Protein backbone atom coordinates (compact mmCIF):
# COMPACT_ATOMS: atom_id res chain seq x y z
CA MET A 1 0.00 0.00 0.00
CA ALA A 2 2.92 2.32 0.70
CA PHE A 3 3.97 2.00 -2.94
CA SER A 4 0.66 1.50 -4.75
CA ALA A 5 -1.10 4.66 -3.61
CA PRO A 6 1.71 7.07 -4.58
CA ALA A 7 2.41 5.24 -7.85
CA ILE A 8 -1.21 5.25 -8.98
CA GLY A 9 -1.92 8.71 -7.62
CA LEU A 10 1.10 10.34 -9.22
CA SER A 11 0.70 8.70 -12.62
CA TRP A 12 -3.04 9.41 -12.84
CA THR A 13 -2.55 12.99 -11.68
CA VAL A 14 -0.03 13.57 -14.46
CA TRP A 15 -2.22 11.85 -17.06
CA ILE A 16 -5.43 13.67 -16.10
CA ALA A 17 -3.66 17.03 -16.09
CA THR A 18 -2.09 16.22 -19.46
CA PHE A 19 -5.33 15.13 -21.12
CA SER A 20 -7.34 18.03 -19.74
CA ALA A 21 -4.82 20.74 -20.65
CA THR A 22 -3.41 19.66 -24.03
CA ALA A 23 -4.76 19.28 -27.53
CA PRO A 24 -5.06 15.81 -29.07
CA ARG A 25 -1.99 14.61 -30.97
CA SER A 26 0.24 17.32 -29.53
CA GLY A 27 3.80 16.88 -28.41
CA LEU A 28 2.92 17.98 -24.90
CA ARG A 29 0.34 15.21 -24.62
CA PHE A 30 2.96 12.62 -25.60
CA LEU A 31 5.40 14.10 -23.07
CA GLY A 32 2.76 13.96 -20.32
CA MET A 33 1.97 10.34 -21.13
CA ALA A 34 5.67 9.47 -20.95
CA LEU A 35 6.14 11.30 -17.65
CA GLY A 36 3.14 9.48 -16.18
CA ALA A 37 4.68 6.17 -17.19
CA PHE A 38 7.75 6.93 -15.06
CA ALA A 39 5.67 7.80 -12.00
CA PRO A 40 5.76 4.26 -10.49
CA GLY A 41 9.56 4.34 -10.60
CA ALA A 42 9.62 7.75 -8.95
CA ALA A 43 7.16 6.51 -6.31
CA GLY A 44 9.32 3.45 -5.65
CA ALA A 45 12.42 5.58 -5.20
CA THR A 46 10.53 7.97 -2.91
CA VAL A 47 9.12 5.18 -0.73
CA THR A 48 12.54 3.52 -0.55
CA ARG A 49 14.16 6.78 0.56
CA LEU A 50 11.43 7.54 3.11
CA ARG A 51 12.03 4.12 4.66
CA GLY A 52 15.66 5.13 5.19
CA GLU A 53 17.02 2.67 2.66
CA SER A 54 19.45 3.35 -0.15
CA VAL A 55 17.89 4.22 -3.50
CA ARG A 56 21.15 3.17 -5.17
CA ALA A 57 20.94 -0.30 -3.62
CA TRP A 58 17.25 -0.53 -4.64
CA LEU A 59 18.05 0.38 -8.23
CA GLY A 60 20.97 -2.04 -8.24
CA ALA A 61 18.70 -4.86 -7.10
CA THR A 62 16.18 -4.10 -9.85
CA VAL A 63 18.72 -4.46 -12.64
CA GLU A 64 20.56 -7.53 -11.39
CA TRP A 65 20.26 -10.36 -13.89
CA ARG A 66 20.79 -13.31 -11.58
CA ARG A 67 18.04 -15.39 -13.13
CA PRO A 68 18.50 -18.07 -15.77
CA LEU A 69 18.68 -16.63 -19.28
CA ARG A 70 15.36 -18.22 -20.34
CA TRP A 71 13.46 -16.09 -17.78
CA ASN A 72 15.07 -12.93 -19.07
CA GLY A 73 14.04 -13.88 -22.60
CA LEU A 74 10.50 -14.54 -21.42
CA ALA A 75 10.37 -11.20 -19.58
CA ILE A 76 11.34 -9.43 -22.80
CA ALA A 77 9.29 -11.56 -25.21
CA VAL A 78 5.90 -11.38 -23.46
CA PRO A 79 5.49 -7.57 -23.67
CA VAL A 80 6.82 -7.51 -27.23
CA VAL A 81 4.38 -10.20 -28.37
CA GLY A 82 1.53 -8.49 -26.53
CA ALA A 83 2.32 -5.12 -28.11
CA LEU A 84 2.51 -6.66 -31.57
CA GLY A 85 -0.82 -8.42 -31.00
CA VAL A 86 -2.50 -5.20 -29.91
CA ALA A 87 -0.90 -3.27 -32.78
CA GLY A 88 -2.32 -5.83 -35.22
CA ALA A 89 -5.77 -6.10 -33.61
CA VAL A 90 -6.58 -2.46 -32.96
CA PRO A 91 -6.39 -1.11 -36.54
CA ARG A 92 -8.34 -4.11 -37.81
CA GLY A 93 -10.99 -3.60 -35.15
CA LEU A 94 -11.25 0.12 -35.82
CA ARG A 95 -11.48 -0.44 -39.55
CA ASN A 96 -14.46 -2.76 -39.06
CA ALA A 97 -16.22 -0.59 -36.48
CA ARG A 98 -19.52 0.99 -37.46
CA LEU A 99 -20.58 3.49 -34.86
CA ARG A 100 -23.96 5.18 -34.72
CA VAL A 101 -24.73 8.25 -32.66
CA GLY A 102 -25.46 7.11 -29.12
CA PHE A 103 -25.15 3.37 -29.67
CA ALA A 104 -22.44 1.06 -30.96
CA THR A 105 -23.11 -1.84 -33.28
CA ARG A 106 -22.26 -5.41 -32.40
CA GLU A 107 -19.08 -5.28 -34.55
CA ALA A 108 -17.79 -2.22 -32.71
CA ASN A 109 -18.58 -3.72 -29.31
CA SER A 110 -16.73 -6.93 -30.13
CA SER A 111 -13.74 -4.91 -31.35
CA ILE A 112 -13.68 -2.91 -28.15
CA VAL A 113 -13.91 -6.05 -26.01
CA ALA A 114 -11.13 -7.74 -28.01
CA THR A 115 -8.90 -4.70 -27.56
CA VAL A 116 -9.52 -4.55 -23.81
CA VAL A 117 -8.88 -8.29 -23.41
CA LEU A 118 -5.59 -8.07 -25.24
C-alpha cells in the first residue's frame, strides 16, 4: 500500500492534467503520457528513501540479472508479443467498427472487447 497509492496517484494525476490541458496529438500530450509512465519508478524511489534505505541499492537490485537466461528472454518476449498483438488487432478492429450516434453496433462492441482483453 505504501507503494501503490503514490504510484497510482502520481501517474493518474499527471495523465489527467495532461489530457485536460493539451490538444489531441500534440507533443505535450505525448510528453505527459511518458512522464506518467515513469511515476511508479519515482514513487518506488521515494518510498525507498522515506524508509531510510538506499535508492542506489534498490536500483541495483532491480537491474541484477541473476536469473536463468530463459526467464530474461520470457520477460522481454511477453510484452513484445503483446504489443505486436494489440498493434495488429486495434487497426483491424477500428477499420471494421460501425458506430452510430449514441449506440455502438455489435461489430464495434466486439472490437472494443477484443482490444480490452488483449
